[in-house]
């Protein structure tokens, strides 16, 4: 007696939507399909590009580099299939990236304010010096 089992993997309806409007169970949408009634969660984000940008351009107190390290850890965990660890490292990288971005923006605003007030104070000092020179003219040689 032959007890072998064969499974036909080809769709019978050509991959079309069923009569009731639902997608077939072999749908190609990877994150919408369900497995045993539970929806498949999308993989956690690792924020590598954002961390790389912050490391190169906005590395305040080396926090951009630290965010890049956590982003790589999140990517490694995602590759290994540890979604909880990847999510944790990804959240840490996101928080560090937000912190770096806020600190960088505050630093730029502070520099702009200091430069503008310094220029104003310097111009007032020059005007005061010119007024003092004009009022106390010394007559050399005459």
N, C-alpha and C. Protein backbone atom coordinates (compact mmCIF):
# COMPACT_ATOMS: atom_id res chain seq x y z
N UNK A 1 0.82 -1.17 0.00
CA UNK A 1 0.00 0.00 0.00
C UNK A 1 0.88 1.25 0.00
N UNK A 2 0.54 2.22 -0.83
CA UNK A 2 1.31 3.44 -0.95
C UNK A 2 0.65 4.53 -0.11
N UNK A 3 1.37 5.03 0.94
CA UNK A 3 0.83 6.07 1.83
C UNK A 3 1.48 7.42 1.57
N UNK A 4 1.97 7.70 0.41
CA UNK A 4 2.59 8.98 0.12
C UNK A 4 1.51 10.05 -0.08
N UNK A 5 1.89 11.25 0.25
CA UNK A 5 0.96 12.37 0.16
C UNK A 5 1.54 13.38 -0.81
N UNK A 6 0.72 13.88 -1.69
CA UNK A 6 1.16 14.94 -2.59
C UNK A 6 0.29 16.17 -2.35
N UNK A 7 0.93 17.32 -2.40
CA UNK A 7 0.22 18.57 -2.16
C UNK A 7 0.35 19.43 -3.41
N UNK A 8 -0.77 19.87 -3.92
CA UNK A 8 -0.77 20.75 -5.08
C UNK A 8 -0.59 22.19 -4.58
N UNK A 9 0.54 22.83 -4.93
CA UNK A 9 0.84 24.17 -4.47
C UNK A 9 0.38 25.25 -5.44
N UNK A 10 -0.15 24.90 -6.56
CA UNK A 10 -0.60 25.89 -7.53
C UNK A 10 -2.01 26.35 -7.18
N UNK A 11 -2.27 27.67 -7.25
CA UNK A 11 -3.62 28.16 -6.96
C UNK A 11 -4.59 27.73 -8.06
N UNK A 12 -5.78 27.34 -7.67
CA UNK A 12 -6.76 26.88 -8.64
C UNK A 12 -7.46 28.03 -9.35
N UNK A 13 -7.54 29.19 -8.67
CA UNK A 13 -8.25 30.31 -9.27
C UNK A 13 -7.29 31.34 -9.89
N UNK A 14 -6.02 31.02 -10.01
CA UNK A 14 -5.06 31.92 -10.62
C UNK A 14 -4.68 33.09 -9.72
N UNK A 15 -4.93 33.02 -8.42
CA UNK A 15 -4.57 34.08 -7.50
C UNK A 15 -5.58 35.19 -7.43
N UNK A 16 -6.79 34.95 -7.93
CA UNK A 16 -7.82 35.99 -7.93
C UNK A 16 -8.53 36.05 -6.59
N UNK A 17 -9.23 37.14 -6.39
CA UNK A 17 -10.00 37.31 -5.16
C UNK A 17 -11.20 36.38 -5.21
N UNK A 18 -11.53 35.82 -4.03
CA UNK A 18 -12.63 34.86 -3.96
C UNK A 18 -13.98 35.51 -4.20
N UNK A 19 -15.02 34.69 -4.19
CA UNK A 19 -16.38 35.15 -4.47
C UNK A 19 -16.87 36.15 -3.42
N UNK A 20 -16.45 35.96 -2.17
CA UNK A 20 -16.93 36.84 -1.10
C UNK A 20 -16.07 38.10 -0.94
N UNK A 21 -15.10 38.31 -1.82
CA UNK A 21 -14.28 39.51 -1.78
C UNK A 21 -13.05 39.38 -0.91
N UNK A 22 -12.83 38.23 -0.31
CA UNK A 22 -11.66 38.06 0.55
C UNK A 22 -10.48 37.56 -0.27
N UNK A 23 -9.30 37.89 0.20
CA UNK A 23 -8.09 37.45 -0.47
C UNK A 23 -7.86 35.98 -0.17
N UNK A 24 -7.22 35.27 -1.07
CA UNK A 24 -6.94 33.85 -0.83
C UNK A 24 -5.94 33.70 0.32
N UNK A 25 -5.89 32.51 0.93
CA UNK A 25 -4.99 32.33 2.08
C UNK A 25 -3.51 32.38 1.71
N UNK A 26 -3.18 32.30 0.44
CA UNK A 26 -1.78 32.35 0.02
C UNK A 26 -1.45 33.72 -0.54
N UNK A 27 -2.01 34.76 0.05
CA UNK A 27 -1.80 36.12 -0.40
C UNK A 27 -0.32 36.50 -0.29
N UNK A 28 0.11 37.36 -1.20
CA UNK A 28 1.51 37.77 -1.20
C UNK A 28 1.80 38.93 -0.27
N UNK A 29 0.81 39.49 0.40
CA UNK A 29 1.04 40.55 1.37
C UNK A 29 1.64 39.93 2.62
N UNK A 30 2.89 40.29 2.93
CA UNK A 30 3.60 39.58 3.98
C UNK A 30 3.19 39.99 5.38
N UNK A 31 2.73 41.23 5.59
CA UNK A 31 2.44 41.67 6.94
C UNK A 31 0.95 41.79 7.23
N UNK A 32 0.12 41.45 6.29
CA UNK A 32 -1.31 41.52 6.51
C UNK A 32 -1.90 40.14 6.78
N UNK A 33 -1.21 39.13 6.32
CA UNK A 33 -1.73 37.79 6.49
C UNK A 33 -1.75 37.40 7.96
N UNK A 34 -2.56 36.42 8.28
CA UNK A 34 -2.68 35.97 9.66
C UNK A 34 -2.15 34.54 9.76
N UNK A 35 -1.62 34.23 10.92
CA UNK A 35 -1.16 32.88 11.20
C UNK A 35 -1.90 32.40 12.43
N UNK A 36 -2.75 31.42 12.26
CA UNK A 36 -3.56 30.84 13.34
C UNK A 36 -4.37 31.91 14.05
N UNK A 37 -4.90 32.86 13.32
CA UNK A 37 -5.77 33.88 13.89
C UNK A 37 -5.06 35.09 14.45
N UNK A 38 -3.72 35.10 14.52
CA UNK A 38 -2.97 36.23 15.05
C UNK A 38 -2.32 36.98 13.90
N UNK A 39 -2.46 38.31 13.87
CA UNK A 39 -1.81 39.06 12.77
C UNK A 39 -0.30 39.06 12.95
N UNK A 40 0.40 38.99 11.82
CA UNK A 40 1.86 39.03 11.83
C UNK A 40 2.29 40.48 12.00
N UNK A 41 3.15 40.75 12.97
CA UNK A 41 3.62 42.09 13.25
C UNK A 41 4.74 42.47 12.30
N UNK A 42 4.78 43.73 11.85
CA UNK A 42 5.91 44.16 11.02
C UNK A 42 7.18 44.17 11.86
N UNK A 43 8.32 44.02 11.23
CA UNK A 43 9.57 44.01 12.02
C UNK A 43 9.81 45.38 12.64
N UNK A 44 10.44 45.43 13.81
CA UNK A 44 10.71 46.72 14.45
C UNK A 44 11.71 47.53 13.65
N UNK A 45 11.61 48.84 13.78
CA UNK A 45 12.51 49.73 13.04
C UNK A 45 13.84 49.84 13.76
N UNK A 46 14.90 50.10 12.98
CA UNK A 46 16.23 50.19 13.59
C UNK A 46 16.85 51.58 13.46
N UNK A 47 16.33 52.47 12.64
CA UNK A 47 16.74 53.87 12.53
C UNK A 47 18.22 54.04 12.20
N UNK A 48 18.77 53.18 11.36
CA UNK A 48 20.20 53.24 11.03
C UNK A 48 20.53 54.51 10.25
N UNK A 49 19.74 54.87 9.27
CA UNK A 49 20.04 56.06 8.46
C UNK A 49 19.98 57.34 9.28
N UNK A 50 18.99 57.44 10.13
CA UNK A 50 18.87 58.62 11.00
C UNK A 50 20.07 58.69 11.94
N UNK A 51 20.46 57.56 12.49
CA UNK A 51 21.61 57.53 13.40
C UNK A 51 22.90 57.88 12.66
N UNK A 52 23.02 57.40 11.43
CA UNK A 52 24.21 57.71 10.65
C UNK A 52 24.27 59.21 10.35
N UNK A 53 23.14 59.80 9.99
CA UNK A 53 23.09 61.24 9.76
C UNK A 53 23.49 62.01 11.02
N UNK A 54 22.93 61.61 12.17
CA UNK A 54 23.25 62.29 13.42
C UNK A 54 24.71 62.11 13.80
N UNK A 55 25.28 60.96 13.50
CA UNK A 55 26.68 60.72 13.81
C UNK A 55 27.59 61.62 12.98
N UNK A 56 27.26 61.78 11.71
CA UNK A 56 28.12 62.56 10.81
C UNK A 56 27.93 64.06 11.03
N UNK A 57 26.69 64.51 11.16
CA UNK A 57 26.42 65.94 11.16
C UNK A 57 26.09 66.53 12.52
N UNK A 58 25.51 65.77 13.43
CA UNK A 58 25.01 66.33 14.69
C UNK A 58 25.49 65.53 15.89
N UNK A 59 26.75 65.24 15.97
CA UNK A 59 27.25 64.35 17.01
C UNK A 59 27.52 65.11 18.31
N UNK A 60 26.44 65.53 18.98
CA UNK A 60 26.56 66.27 20.22
C UNK A 60 26.88 65.29 21.34
N UNK A 61 27.99 65.51 22.03
CA UNK A 61 28.44 64.67 23.15
C UNK A 61 28.52 63.19 22.77
N UNK A 62 28.81 62.90 21.54
CA UNK A 62 28.93 61.52 21.01
C UNK A 62 27.63 60.73 21.13
N UNK A 63 26.50 61.40 21.31
CA UNK A 63 25.23 60.69 21.40
C UNK A 63 24.80 60.14 20.04
N UNK A 64 25.21 60.79 18.96
CA UNK A 64 24.92 60.27 17.63
C UNK A 64 25.60 58.95 17.38
N UNK A 65 26.84 58.83 17.83
CA UNK A 65 27.56 57.56 17.70
C UNK A 65 26.91 56.48 18.55
N UNK A 66 26.47 56.84 19.75
CA UNK A 66 25.79 55.88 20.63
C UNK A 66 24.47 55.42 20.00
N UNK A 67 23.76 56.33 19.37
CA UNK A 67 22.52 55.96 18.67
C UNK A 67 22.83 55.01 17.52
N UNK A 68 23.95 55.24 16.83
CA UNK A 68 24.33 54.35 15.73
C UNK A 68 24.65 52.95 16.25
N UNK A 69 25.29 52.87 17.40
CA UNK A 69 25.59 51.56 17.99
C UNK A 69 24.30 50.82 18.33
N UNK A 70 23.34 51.50 18.94
CA UNK A 70 22.07 50.86 19.27
C UNK A 70 21.29 50.50 18.01
N UNK A 71 21.42 51.28 16.96
CA UNK A 71 20.75 50.95 15.70
C UNK A 71 21.32 49.67 15.10
N UNK A 72 22.64 49.53 15.16
CA UNK A 72 23.25 48.30 14.66
C UNK A 72 22.86 47.11 15.51
N UNK A 73 22.77 47.30 16.82
CA UNK A 73 22.32 46.21 17.68
C UNK A 73 20.89 45.80 17.35
N UNK A 74 20.03 46.79 17.08
CA UNK A 74 18.65 46.49 16.72
C UNK A 74 18.59 45.73 15.40
N UNK A 75 19.42 46.14 14.44
CA UNK A 75 19.43 45.43 13.16
C UNK A 75 19.93 44.00 13.32
N UNK A 76 20.95 43.80 14.15
CA UNK A 76 21.45 42.45 14.40
C UNK A 76 20.39 41.58 15.06
N UNK A 77 19.69 42.13 16.03
CA UNK A 77 18.62 41.36 16.69
C UNK A 77 17.49 41.03 15.73
N UNK A 78 17.19 41.97 14.83
CA UNK A 78 16.13 41.73 13.86
C UNK A 78 16.51 40.60 12.92
N UNK A 79 17.78 40.57 12.52
CA UNK A 79 18.25 39.50 11.63
C UNK A 79 18.20 38.15 12.34
N UNK A 80 18.51 38.14 13.64
CA UNK A 80 18.47 36.90 14.41
C UNK A 80 17.06 36.44 14.74
N UNK A 81 16.08 37.31 14.54
CA UNK A 81 14.69 36.94 14.80
C UNK A 81 14.19 37.33 16.18
N UNK A 82 14.99 38.03 16.96
CA UNK A 82 14.59 38.48 18.29
C UNK A 82 13.89 39.82 18.17
N UNK A 83 12.58 39.78 17.97
CA UNK A 83 11.84 41.03 17.74
C UNK A 83 11.74 41.86 19.01
N UNK A 84 11.68 41.22 20.18
CA UNK A 84 11.61 41.99 21.42
C UNK A 84 12.91 42.77 21.66
N UNK A 85 14.04 42.10 21.50
CA UNK A 85 15.33 42.78 21.66
C UNK A 85 15.53 43.86 20.62
N UNK A 86 15.12 43.57 19.38
CA UNK A 86 15.26 44.56 18.31
C UNK A 86 14.38 45.77 18.59
N UNK A 87 13.18 45.54 19.11
CA UNK A 87 12.30 46.65 19.44
C UNK A 87 12.86 47.51 20.56
N UNK A 88 13.46 46.85 21.56
CA UNK A 88 14.05 47.58 22.67
C UNK A 88 15.23 48.44 22.22
N UNK A 89 16.14 47.84 21.46
CA UNK A 89 17.28 48.60 20.95
C UNK A 89 16.84 49.70 19.99
N UNK A 90 15.81 49.42 19.18
CA UNK A 90 15.29 50.42 18.26
C UNK A 90 14.69 51.62 18.97
N UNK A 91 13.96 51.36 20.07
CA UNK A 91 13.38 52.46 20.85
C UNK A 91 14.48 53.31 21.49
N UNK A 92 15.53 52.64 21.98
CA UNK A 92 16.64 53.38 22.57
C UNK A 92 17.33 54.24 21.52
N UNK A 93 17.54 53.68 20.33
CA UNK A 93 18.16 54.44 19.24
C UNK A 93 17.29 55.63 18.85
N UNK A 94 15.98 55.43 18.83
CA UNK A 94 15.06 56.53 18.48
C UNK A 94 15.13 57.65 19.51
N UNK A 95 15.12 57.29 20.80
CA UNK A 95 15.21 58.30 21.85
C UNK A 95 16.53 59.06 21.78
N UNK A 96 17.63 58.34 21.54
CA UNK A 96 18.92 59.01 21.42
C UNK A 96 18.96 59.93 20.20
N UNK A 97 18.37 59.50 19.10
CA UNK A 97 18.34 60.34 17.90
C UNK A 97 17.52 61.60 18.13
N UNK A 98 16.40 61.47 18.82
CA UNK A 98 15.59 62.65 19.12
C UNK A 98 16.37 63.60 20.03
N UNK A 99 17.06 63.05 21.02
CA UNK A 99 17.85 63.87 21.94
C UNK A 99 18.96 64.61 21.20
N UNK A 100 19.65 63.90 20.31
CA UNK A 100 20.74 64.51 19.54
C UNK A 100 20.18 65.62 18.65
N UNK A 101 19.06 65.37 18.02
CA UNK A 101 18.47 66.38 17.13
C UNK A 101 18.06 67.62 17.91
N UNK A 102 17.43 67.45 19.07
CA UNK A 102 17.00 68.60 19.87
C UNK A 102 18.21 69.38 20.37
N UNK A 103 19.22 68.67 20.89
CA UNK A 103 20.42 69.35 21.37
C UNK A 103 21.15 70.09 20.25
N UNK A 104 21.19 69.50 19.07
CA UNK A 104 21.84 70.15 17.94
C UNK A 104 21.09 71.42 17.54
N UNK A 105 19.77 71.34 17.49
CA UNK A 105 18.98 72.52 17.13
C UNK A 105 19.13 73.62 18.18
N UNK A 106 19.12 73.23 19.46
CA UNK A 106 19.32 74.23 20.51
C UNK A 106 20.71 74.86 20.43
N UNK A 107 21.71 74.07 20.09
CA UNK A 107 23.06 74.61 19.94
C UNK A 107 23.13 75.61 18.79
N UNK A 108 22.51 75.29 17.69
CA UNK A 108 22.51 76.19 16.54
C UNK A 108 21.79 77.49 16.88
N UNK A 109 20.64 77.38 17.53
CA UNK A 109 19.89 78.58 17.92
C UNK A 109 20.71 79.41 18.91
N UNK A 110 21.36 78.76 19.87
CA UNK A 110 22.17 79.48 20.84
C UNK A 110 23.34 80.20 20.17
N UNK A 111 23.98 79.55 19.23
CA UNK A 111 25.09 80.19 18.51
C UNK A 111 24.59 81.39 17.71
N UNK A 112 23.44 81.24 17.07
CA UNK A 112 22.88 82.37 16.30
C UNK A 112 22.56 83.53 17.23
N UNK A 113 21.97 83.25 18.38
CA UNK A 113 21.63 84.32 19.33
C UNK A 113 22.89 84.98 19.86
N UNK A 114 23.89 84.18 20.24
CA UNK A 114 25.13 84.75 20.77
C UNK A 114 25.88 85.58 19.73
N UNK A 115 25.90 85.10 18.51
CA UNK A 115 26.59 85.86 17.46
C UNK A 115 25.85 87.15 17.17
N UNK A 116 24.54 87.08 17.09
CA UNK A 116 23.79 88.30 16.77
C UNK A 116 23.89 89.31 17.91
N UNK A 117 23.80 88.88 19.16
CA UNK A 117 23.94 89.82 20.27
C UNK A 117 25.37 90.30 20.41
N UNK A 118 26.32 89.47 20.10
CA UNK A 118 27.72 89.88 20.14
C UNK A 118 28.02 90.92 19.09
N UNK A 119 27.46 90.76 17.92
CA UNK A 119 27.65 91.74 16.85
C UNK A 119 27.01 93.07 17.23
N UNK A 120 25.84 93.02 17.83
CA UNK A 120 25.17 94.25 18.24
C UNK A 120 25.98 94.95 19.33
N UNK A 121 26.44 94.17 20.31
CA UNK A 121 27.24 94.76 21.39
C UNK A 121 28.55 95.30 20.85
N UNK A 122 29.17 94.61 19.93
CA UNK A 122 30.42 95.07 19.34
C UNK A 122 30.21 96.35 18.54
N UNK A 123 29.12 96.43 17.79
CA UNK A 123 28.85 97.65 17.02
C UNK A 123 28.57 98.83 17.94
N UNK A 124 27.89 98.59 19.07
CA UNK A 124 27.66 99.67 20.04
C UNK A 124 28.99 100.13 20.65
N UNK A 125 29.87 99.20 20.93
CA UNK A 125 31.17 99.56 21.50
C UNK A 125 31.99 100.38 20.51
N UNK A 126 31.95 100.04 19.24
CA UNK A 126 32.67 100.79 18.20
C UNK A 126 32.07 102.18 18.07
N UNK A 127 30.75 102.31 18.08
CA UNK A 127 30.12 103.62 18.00
C UNK A 127 30.49 104.48 19.20
N UNK A 128 30.51 103.89 20.38
CA UNK A 128 30.88 104.62 21.59
C UNK A 128 32.33 105.08 21.50
N UNK A 129 33.21 104.23 21.00
CA UNK A 129 34.62 104.60 20.84
C UNK A 129 34.78 105.73 19.85
N UNK A 130 34.04 105.70 18.76
CA UNK A 130 34.10 106.78 17.77
C UNK A 130 33.59 108.10 18.36
N UNK A 131 32.54 108.02 19.16
CA UNK A 131 32.04 109.25 19.79
C UNK A 131 33.06 109.80 20.78
N UNK A 132 33.72 108.94 21.52
CA UNK A 132 34.75 109.40 22.47
C UNK A 132 35.93 110.03 21.72
N UNK A 133 36.32 109.48 20.61
CA UNK A 133 37.42 110.04 19.83
C UNK A 133 37.06 111.40 19.27
N UNK A 134 35.83 111.53 18.80
CA UNK A 134 35.40 112.81 18.23
C UNK A 134 35.30 113.89 19.29
N UNK A 135 34.92 113.54 20.49
CA UNK A 135 34.78 114.57 21.53
C UNK A 135 36.11 114.95 22.16
N UNK A 136 37.10 114.07 22.13
CA UNK A 136 38.41 114.36 22.71
C UNK A 136 39.48 114.38 21.63
N UNK A 137 39.35 115.25 20.68
CA UNK A 137 40.36 115.33 19.62
C UNK A 137 41.62 115.95 20.16
N UNK A 138 42.67 115.30 19.82
CA UNK A 138 43.98 115.84 20.22
C UNK A 138 44.60 116.51 19.00
N UNK A 139 45.19 117.63 19.23
CA UNK A 139 45.78 118.38 18.15
C UNK A 139 47.29 118.20 18.24
N UNK A 140 47.82 117.28 17.45
CA UNK A 140 49.24 117.01 17.46
C UNK A 140 49.96 117.92 16.46
N UNK A 141 50.92 118.60 16.88
CA UNK A 141 51.77 119.38 15.99
C UNK A 141 51.21 120.72 15.59
N UNK A 142 50.09 121.12 15.94
CA UNK A 142 49.53 122.41 15.56
C UNK A 142 49.37 123.31 16.72
